Structure formats: C-alpha cells, structure tokens
Amino acid sequence: MTKDAEIKTVRKFKVALDVLTLTPEEYRDPMSLIAGTLRKGIVVPTVSSA
C-alpha cells in the first residue's frame, strides 16, 4: 500500500526511508513503544550497516 508513495518520495527527495506500517489498533495500543514514539512525533533513530 505504501510502496509507490515511498518510491516516489525517495526519488524526489533523494533520501532513504524506513516505513513502519501499523494497523489502527497497533497505533492506538498504549503498550506499543514504537507507536508511542510515533504519536509524540519523535524521529526514530536508525543504525547504518554501511
């Protein structure tokens, strides 16, 4: 579902993206650490393997 939008964004802005797809239930789950971080609008840091 997000594949085309992700490809277009990468091509347009020349940035790498990691898309996290959550169901509405996963996003609303108060016990979900990743959803809680996303709700706060905090950028999730990544570790480069390169």
Protein backbone atom coordinates (compact mmCIF):
# COMPACT_ATOMS: atom_id res chain seq x y z
CA MET A 1 0.00 0.00 0.00
CA THR A 2 2.82 2.44 0.71
CA LYS A 3 5.26 1.10 -1.87
CA ASP A 4 4.53 3.62 -4.65
CA ALA A 5 4.47 6.60 -2.29
CA GLU A 6 7.76 5.50 -0.73
CA ILE A 7 9.45 5.07 -4.11
CA LYS A 8 8.24 8.49 -5.31
CA THR A 9 9.45 10.18 -2.11
CA VAL A 10 12.89 8.55 -2.29
CA ARG A 11 13.27 9.59 -5.93
CA LYS A 12 12.04 13.14 -5.34
CA PHE A 13 13.98 13.97 -2.16
CA LYS A 14 16.89 11.53 -2.59
CA VAL A 15 16.60 10.26 0.99
CA ALA A 16 16.34 6.78 2.41
CA LEU A 17 13.16 5.87 4.27
CA ASP A 18 12.13 3.12 6.64
CA VAL A 19 8.36 2.92 6.54
CA LEU A 20 6.63 1.40 9.54
CA THR A 21 3.17 0.19 8.65
CA LEU A 22 0.85 -0.17 11.62
CA THR A 23 -2.79 -1.14 11.85
CA PRO A 24 -5.05 1.40 13.61
CA GLU A 25 -5.16 -0.99 16.59
CA GLU A 26 -1.34 -1.17 16.76
CA TYR A 27 -1.07 2.61 16.54
CA ARG A 28 -3.60 3.16 19.34
CA ASP A 29 -2.13 0.47 21.63
CA PRO A 30 -0.79 2.30 24.71
CA MET A 31 1.70 -0.54 25.32
CA SER A 32 3.34 -0.17 21.89
CA LEU A 33 6.71 1.57 22.30
CA ILE A 34 7.13 2.35 18.60
CA ALA A 35 3.58 3.69 18.21
CA GLY A 36 4.03 5.82 21.34
CA THR A 37 7.20 7.29 19.88
CA LEU A 38 5.45 8.00 16.57
CA ARG A 39 2.48 9.64 18.32
CA LYS A 40 4.90 12.03 20.02
CA GLY A 41 6.39 12.96 16.63
CA ILE A 42 9.91 11.93 17.62
CA VAL A 43 12.21 10.74 14.84
CA VAL A 44 13.19 7.13 15.39
CA PRO A 45 16.99 6.87 15.07
CA THR A 46 18.45 4.20 12.85
CA VAL A 47 21.79 2.47 12.72
CA SER A 48 23.51 2.31 9.36
CA SER A 49 25.01 -1.02 8.37
CA ALA A 50 27.42 0.66 5.96
